[in-house]
Amino acid sequence: MSKKKSFVLRLNEDKMKALEKWAADEFRSANGQIEWIITKALKDSKRLKKTDLSNTDED
């Protein structure tokens, strides 16, 4: 597994509640949901190297 770097993300309360609901609907944590969203966006825009794609913990 690759190293992970932490950072602070500030969201307004409504966005956070929506994110938490979405994550719960898909049986993920809010953090896991954010990581999934970012990974999907990077894949869709072809901004991840093929080696990065094999290291993702996506469904």
PDB file of N, CA and C in Angstrom:
ATOM      1  N   MET A   1       0.841  -1.182   0.000  1.00  0.00           N
ATOM      2  CA  MET A   1       0.000   0.000   0.000  1.00  0.00           C
ATOM      3  C   MET A   1       0.883   1.242   0.000  1.00  0.00           C
ATOM      4  N   SER A   2       0.492   2.232  -0.757  1.00  0.00           N
ATOM      5  CA  SER A   2       1.296   3.442  -0.838  1.00  0.00           C
ATOM      6  C   SER A   2       1.086   4.328   0.395  1.00  0.00           C
ATOM      7  N   LYS A   3       2.050   5.220   0.611  1.00  0.00           N
ATOM      8  CA  LYS A   3       1.951   6.146   1.725  1.00  0.00           C
ATOM      9  C   LYS A   3       0.808   7.110   1.490  1.00  0.00           C
ATOM     10  N   LYS A   4       0.178   7.537   2.543  1.00  0.00           N
ATOM     11  CA  LYS A   4      -0.899   8.512   2.448  1.00  0.00           C
ATOM     12  C   LYS A   4      -0.469   9.779   3.166  1.00  0.00           C
ATOM     13  N   LYS A   5      -0.854  10.888   2.606  1.00  0.00           N
ATOM     14  CA  LYS A   5      -0.541  12.187   3.184  1.00  0.00           C
ATOM     15  C   LYS A   5      -1.839  12.808   3.678  1.00  0.00           C
ATOM     16  N   SER A   6      -1.827  13.335   4.882  1.00  0.00           N
ATOM     17  CA  SER A   6      -3.040  13.944   5.424  1.00  0.00           C
ATOM     18  C   SER A   6      -3.046  15.446   5.164  1.00  0.00           C
ATOM     19  N   PHE A   7      -4.250  15.993   5.098  1.00  0.00           N
ATOM     20  CA  PHE A   7      -4.421  17.428   4.932  1.00  0.00           C
ATOM     21  C   PHE A   7      -5.784  17.822   5.487  1.00  0.00           C
ATOM     22  N   VAL A   8      -5.964  19.095   5.716  1.00  0.00           N
ATOM     23  CA  VAL A   8      -7.216  19.610   6.265  1.00  0.00           C
ATOM     24  C   VAL A   8      -8.127  20.026   5.110  1.00  0.00           C
ATOM     25  N   LEU A   9      -9.391  19.651   5.202  1.00  0.00           N
ATOM     26  CA  LEU A   9     -10.392  20.048   4.221  1.00  0.00           C
ATOM     27  C   LEU A   9     -11.545  20.687   4.976  1.00  0.00           C
ATOM     28  N   ARG A  10     -11.903  21.872   4.582  1.00  0.00           N
ATOM     29  CA  ARG A  10     -13.010  22.566   5.227  1.00  0.00           C
ATOM     30  C   ARG A  10     -14.206  22.570   4.283  1.00  0.00           C
ATOM     31  N   LEU A  11     -15.331  22.070   4.782  1.00  0.00           N
ATOM     32  CA  LEU A  11     -16.585  22.066   4.034  1.00  0.00           C
ATOM     33  C   LEU A  11     -17.658  22.728   4.880  1.00  0.00           C
ATOM     34  N   ASN A  12     -18.615  23.371   4.197  1.00  0.00           N
ATOM     35  CA  ASN A  12     -19.705  23.917   4.997  1.00  0.00           C
ATOM     36  C   ASN A  12     -20.571  22.766   5.509  1.00  0.00           C
ATOM     37  N   GLU A  13     -21.392  23.048   6.477  1.00  0.00           N
ATOM     38  CA  GLU A  13     -22.146  22.003   7.174  1.00  0.00           C
ATOM     39  C   GLU A  13     -23.063  21.215   6.237  1.00  0.00           C
ATOM     40  N   ASP A  14     -23.738  21.893   5.315  1.00  0.00           N
ATOM     41  CA  ASP A  14     -24.651  21.208   4.399  1.00  0.00           C
ATOM     42  C   ASP A  14     -23.905  20.231   3.487  1.00  0.00           C
ATOM     43  N   LYS A  15     -22.749  20.655   2.970  1.00  0.00           N
ATOM     44  CA  LYS A  15     -21.963  19.769   2.105  1.00  0.00           C
ATOM     45  C   LYS A  15     -21.451  18.571   2.897  1.00  0.00           C
ATOM     46  N   MET A  16     -21.035  18.795   4.119  1.00  0.00           N
ATOM     47  CA  MET A  16     -20.517  17.702   4.943  1.00  0.00           C
ATOM     48  C   MET A  16     -21.614  16.688   5.244  1.00  0.00           C
ATOM     49  N   LYS A  17     -22.809  17.177   5.573  1.00  0.00           N
ATOM     50  CA  LYS A  17     -23.929  16.268   5.836  1.00  0.00           C
ATOM     51  C   LYS A  17     -24.266  15.450   4.588  1.00  0.00           C
ATOM     52  N   ALA A  18     -24.279  16.096   3.424  1.00  0.00           N
ATOM     53  CA  ALA A  18     -24.564  15.391   2.172  1.00  0.00           C
ATOM     54  C   ALA A  18     -23.485  14.346   1.884  1.00  0.00           C
ATOM     55  N   LEU A  19     -22.233  14.702   2.118  1.00  0.00           N
ATOM     56  CA  LEU A  19     -21.126  13.775   1.916  1.00  0.00           C
ATOM     57  C   LEU A  19     -21.234  12.576   2.855  1.00  0.00           C
ATOM     58  N   GLU A  20     -21.525  12.833   4.111  1.00  0.00           N
ATOM     59  CA  GLU A  20     -21.655  11.748   5.087  1.00  0.00           C
ATOM     60  C   GLU A  20     -22.812  10.815   4.728  1.00  0.00           C
ATOM     61  N   LYS A  21     -23.925  11.365   4.264  1.00  0.00           N
ATOM     62  CA  LYS A  21     -25.065  10.542   3.844  1.00  0.00           C
ATOM     63  C   LYS A  21     -24.688   9.688   2.640  1.00  0.00           C
ATOM     64  N   TRP A  22     -24.040  10.305   1.651  1.00  0.00           N
ATOM     65  CA  TRP A  22     -23.606   9.580   0.449  1.00  0.00           C
ATOM     66  C   TRP A  22     -22.662   8.449   0.842  1.00  0.00           C
ATOM     67  N   ALA A  23     -21.703   8.762   1.708  1.00  0.00           N
ATOM     68  CA  ALA A  23     -20.740   7.749   2.163  1.00  0.00           C
ATOM     69  C   ALA A  23     -21.464   6.601   2.874  1.00  0.00           C
ATOM     70  N   ALA A  24     -22.377   6.920   3.752  1.00  0.00           N
ATOM     71  CA  ALA A  24     -23.118   5.879   4.478  1.00  0.00           C
ATOM     72  C   ALA A  24     -23.931   5.015   3.516  1.00  0.00           C
ATOM     73  N   ASP A  25     -24.525   5.631   2.507  1.00  0.00           N
ATOM     74  CA  ASP A  25     -25.297   4.890   1.511  1.00  0.00           C
ATOM     75  C   ASP A  25     -24.435   3.879   0.771  1.00  0.00           C
ATOM     76  N   GLU A  26     -23.138   4.155   0.648  1.00  0.00           N
ATOM     77  CA  GLU A  26     -22.221   3.273  -0.070  1.00  0.00           C
ATOM     78  C   GLU A  26     -21.290   2.510   0.875  1.00  0.00           C
ATOM     79  N   PHE A  27     -21.637   2.512   2.164  1.00  0.00           N
ATOM     80  CA  PHE A  27     -20.888   1.780   3.190  1.00  0.00           C
ATOM     81  C   PHE A  27     -19.420   2.186   3.246  1.00  0.00           C
ATOM     82  N   ARG A  28     -19.176   3.492   3.166  1.00  0.00           N
ATOM     83  CA  ARG A  28     -17.824   4.036   3.293  1.00  0.00           C
ATOM     84  C   ARG A  28     -17.819   5.083   4.401  1.00  0.00           C
ATOM     85  N   SER A  29     -16.616   5.396   4.867  1.00  0.00           N
ATOM     86  CA  SER A  29     -16.458   6.542   5.759  1.00  0.00           C
ATOM     87  C   SER A  29     -16.472   7.801   4.897  1.00  0.00           C
ATOM     88  N   ALA A  30     -16.637   8.951   5.528  1.00  0.00           N
ATOM     89  CA  ALA A  30     -16.583  10.214   4.783  1.00  0.00           C
ATOM     90  C   ALA A  30     -15.215  10.354   4.124  1.00  0.00           C
ATOM     91  N   ASN A  31     -14.161  10.002   4.844  1.00  0.00           N
ATOM     92  CA  ASN A  31     -12.810  10.073   4.283  1.00  0.00           C
ATOM     93  C   ASN A  31     -12.666   9.142   3.081  1.00  0.00           C
ATOM     94  N   GLY A  32     -13.178   7.924   3.211  1.00  0.00           N
ATOM     95  CA  GLY A  32     -13.131   6.977   2.113  1.00  0.00           C
ATOM     96  C   GLY A  32     -13.917   7.461   0.904  1.00  0.00           C
ATOM     97  N   GLN A  33     -15.034   8.127   1.158  1.00  0.00           N
ATOM     98  CA  GLN A  33     -15.849   8.653   0.062  1.00  0.00           C
ATOM     99  C   GLN A  33     -15.109   9.768  -0.672  1.00  0.00           C
ATOM    100  N   ILE A  34     -14.467  10.651   0.069  1.00  0.00           N
ATOM    101  CA  ILE A  34     -13.694  11.729  -0.555  1.00  0.00           C
ATOM    102  C   ILE A  34     -12.570  11.137  -1.404  1.00  0.00           C
ATOM    103  N   GLU A  35     -11.892  10.138  -0.867  1.00  0.00           N
ATOM    104  CA  GLU A  35     -10.802   9.504  -1.619  1.00  0.00           C
ATOM    105  C   GLU A  35     -11.343   8.839  -2.889  1.00  0.00           C
ATOM    106  N   TRP A  36     -12.500   8.183  -2.785  1.00  0.00           N
ATOM    107  CA  TRP A  36     -13.118   7.551  -3.949  1.00  0.00           C
ATOM    108  C   TRP A  36     -13.486   8.593  -5.012  1.00  0.00           C
ATOM    109  N   ILE A  37     -14.063   9.714  -4.581  1.00  0.00           N
ATOM    110  CA  ILE A  37     -14.448  10.790  -5.509  1.00  0.00           C
ATOM    111  C   ILE A  37     -13.217  11.336  -6.234  1.00  0.00           C
ATOM    112  N   ILE A  38     -12.159  11.581  -5.490  1.00  0.00           N
ATOM    113  CA  ILE A  38     -10.936  12.127  -6.091  1.00  0.00           C
ATOM    114  C   ILE A  38     -10.328  11.115  -7.062  1.00  0.00           C
ATOM    115  N   THR A  39     -10.258   9.840  -6.646  1.00  0.00           N
ATOM    116  CA  THR A  39      -9.694   8.813  -7.521  1.00  0.00           C
ATOM    117  C   THR A  39     -10.494   8.696  -8.804  1.00  0.00           C
ATOM    118  N   LYS A  40     -11.817   8.698  -8.694  1.00  0.00           N
ATOM    119  CA  LYS A  40     -12.668   8.602  -9.886  1.00  0.00           C
ATOM    120  C   LYS A  40     -12.449   9.792 -10.816  1.00  0.00           C
ATOM    121  N   ALA A  41     -12.368  10.993 -10.246  1.00  0.00           N
ATOM    122  CA  ALA A  41     -12.143  12.187 -11.065  1.00  0.00           C
ATOM    123  C   ALA A  41     -10.783  12.130 -11.763  1.00  0.00           C
ATOM    124  N   LEU A  42      -9.763  11.670 -11.052  1.00  0.00           N
ATOM    125  CA  LEU A  42      -8.437  11.551 -11.652  1.00  0.00           C
ATOM    126  C   LEU A  42      -8.412  10.501 -12.761  1.00  0.00           C
ATOM    127  N   LYS A  43      -9.105   9.391 -12.559  1.00  0.00           N
ATOM    128  CA  LYS A  43      -9.190   8.357 -13.603  1.00  0.00           C
ATOM    129  C   LYS A  43      -9.932   8.891 -14.825  1.00  0.00           C
ATOM    130  N   ASP A  44     -11.075   9.523 -14.574  1.00  0.00           N
ATOM    131  CA  ASP A  44     -11.897  10.034 -15.679  1.00  0.00           C
ATOM    132  C   ASP A  44     -11.157  11.065 -16.519  1.00  0.00           C
ATOM    133  N   SER A  45     -10.290  11.851 -15.873  1.00  0.00           N
ATOM    134  CA  SER A  45      -9.533  12.871 -16.601  1.00  0.00           C
ATOM    135  C   SER A  45      -8.174  12.359 -17.081  1.00  0.00           C
ATOM    136  N   LYS A  46      -7.939  11.052 -16.863  1.00  0.00           N
ATOM    137  CA  LYS A  46      -6.689  10.392 -17.273  1.00  0.00           C
ATOM    138  C   LYS A  46      -5.457  11.085 -16.691  1.00  0.00           C
ATOM    139  N   ARG A  47      -5.546  11.450 -15.418  1.00  0.00           N
ATOM    140  CA  ARG A  47      -4.447  12.123 -14.738  1.00  0.00           C
ATOM    141  C   ARG A  47      -3.678  11.207 -13.795  1.00  0.00           C
ATOM    142  N   LEU A  48      -4.041   9.932 -13.758  1.00  0.00           N
ATOM    143  CA  LEU A  48      -3.293   8.957 -12.962  1.00  0.00           C
ATOM    144  C   LEU A  48      -2.488   8.078 -13.902  1.00  0.00           C
ATOM    145  N   LYS A  49      -1.257   7.787 -13.499  1.00  0.00           N
ATOM    146  CA  LYS A  49      -0.427   6.848 -14.264  1.00  0.00           C
ATOM    147  C   LYS A  49      -0.993   5.454 -14.080  1.00  0.00           C
ATOM    148  N   LYS A  50      -0.726   4.563 -15.013  1.00  0.00           N
ATOM    149  CA  LYS A  50      -1.236   3.191 -14.912  1.00  0.00           C
ATOM    150  C   LYS A  50      -0.776   2.524 -13.623  1.00  0.00           C
ATOM    151  N   THR A  51       0.437   2.810 -13.157  1.00  0.00           N
ATOM    152  CA  THR A  51       0.913   2.217 -11.906  1.00  0.00           C
ATOM    153  C   THR A  51       0.090   2.733 -10.726  1.00  0.00           C
ATOM    154  N   ASP A  52      -0.355   3.994 -10.797  1.00  0.00           N
ATOM    155  CA  ASP A  52      -1.201   4.555  -9.740  1.00  0.00           C
ATOM    156  C   ASP A  52      -2.565   3.878  -9.720  1.00  0.00           C
ATOM    157  N   LEU A  53      -3.075   3.523 -10.889  1.00  0.00           N
ATOM    158  CA  LEU A  53      -4.384   2.888 -10.981  1.00  0.00           C
ATOM    159  C   LEU A  53      -4.400   1.532 -10.292  1.00  0.00           C
ATOM    160  N   SER A  54      -3.293   0.814 -10.380  1.00  0.00           N
ATOM    161  CA  SER A  54      -3.244  -0.516  -9.760  1.00  0.00           C
ATOM    162  C   SER A  54      -3.115  -0.433  -8.238  1.00  0.00           C
ATOM    163  N   ASN A  55      -2.771   0.734  -7.701  1.00  0.00           N
ATOM    164  CA  ASN A  55      -2.607   0.893  -6.266  1.00  0.00           C
ATOM    165  C   ASN A  55      -3.826   1.491  -5.586  1.00  0.00           C
ATOM    166  N   THR A  56      -4.931   1.676  -6.289  1.00  0.00           N
ATOM    167  CA  THR A  56      -6.103   2.277  -5.686  1.00  0.00           C
ATOM    168  C   THR A  56      -6.919   1.215  -4.990  1.00  0.00           C
ATOM    169  N   ASP A  57      -7.577   1.606  -3.918  1.00  0.00           N
ATOM    170  CA  ASP A  57      -8.439   0.694  -3.141  1.00  0.00           C
ATOM    171  C   ASP A  57      -9.893   0.928  -3.501  1.00  0.00           C
ATOM    172  N   GLU A  58     -10.185   1.008  -4.786  1.00  0.00           N
ATOM    173  CA  GLU A  58     -11.544   1.294  -5.217  1.00  0.00           C
ATOM    174  C   GLU A  58     -12.341   0.024  -5.341  1.00  0.00           C
ATOM    175  N   ASP A  59     -13.674   0.156  -5.267  1.00  0.00           N
ATOM    176  CA  ASP A  59     -14.598  -0.981  -5.399  1.00  0.00           C
ATOM    177  C   ASP A  59     -14.313  -1.823  -6.604  1.00  0.00           C
TER     178      ASP A  59
END
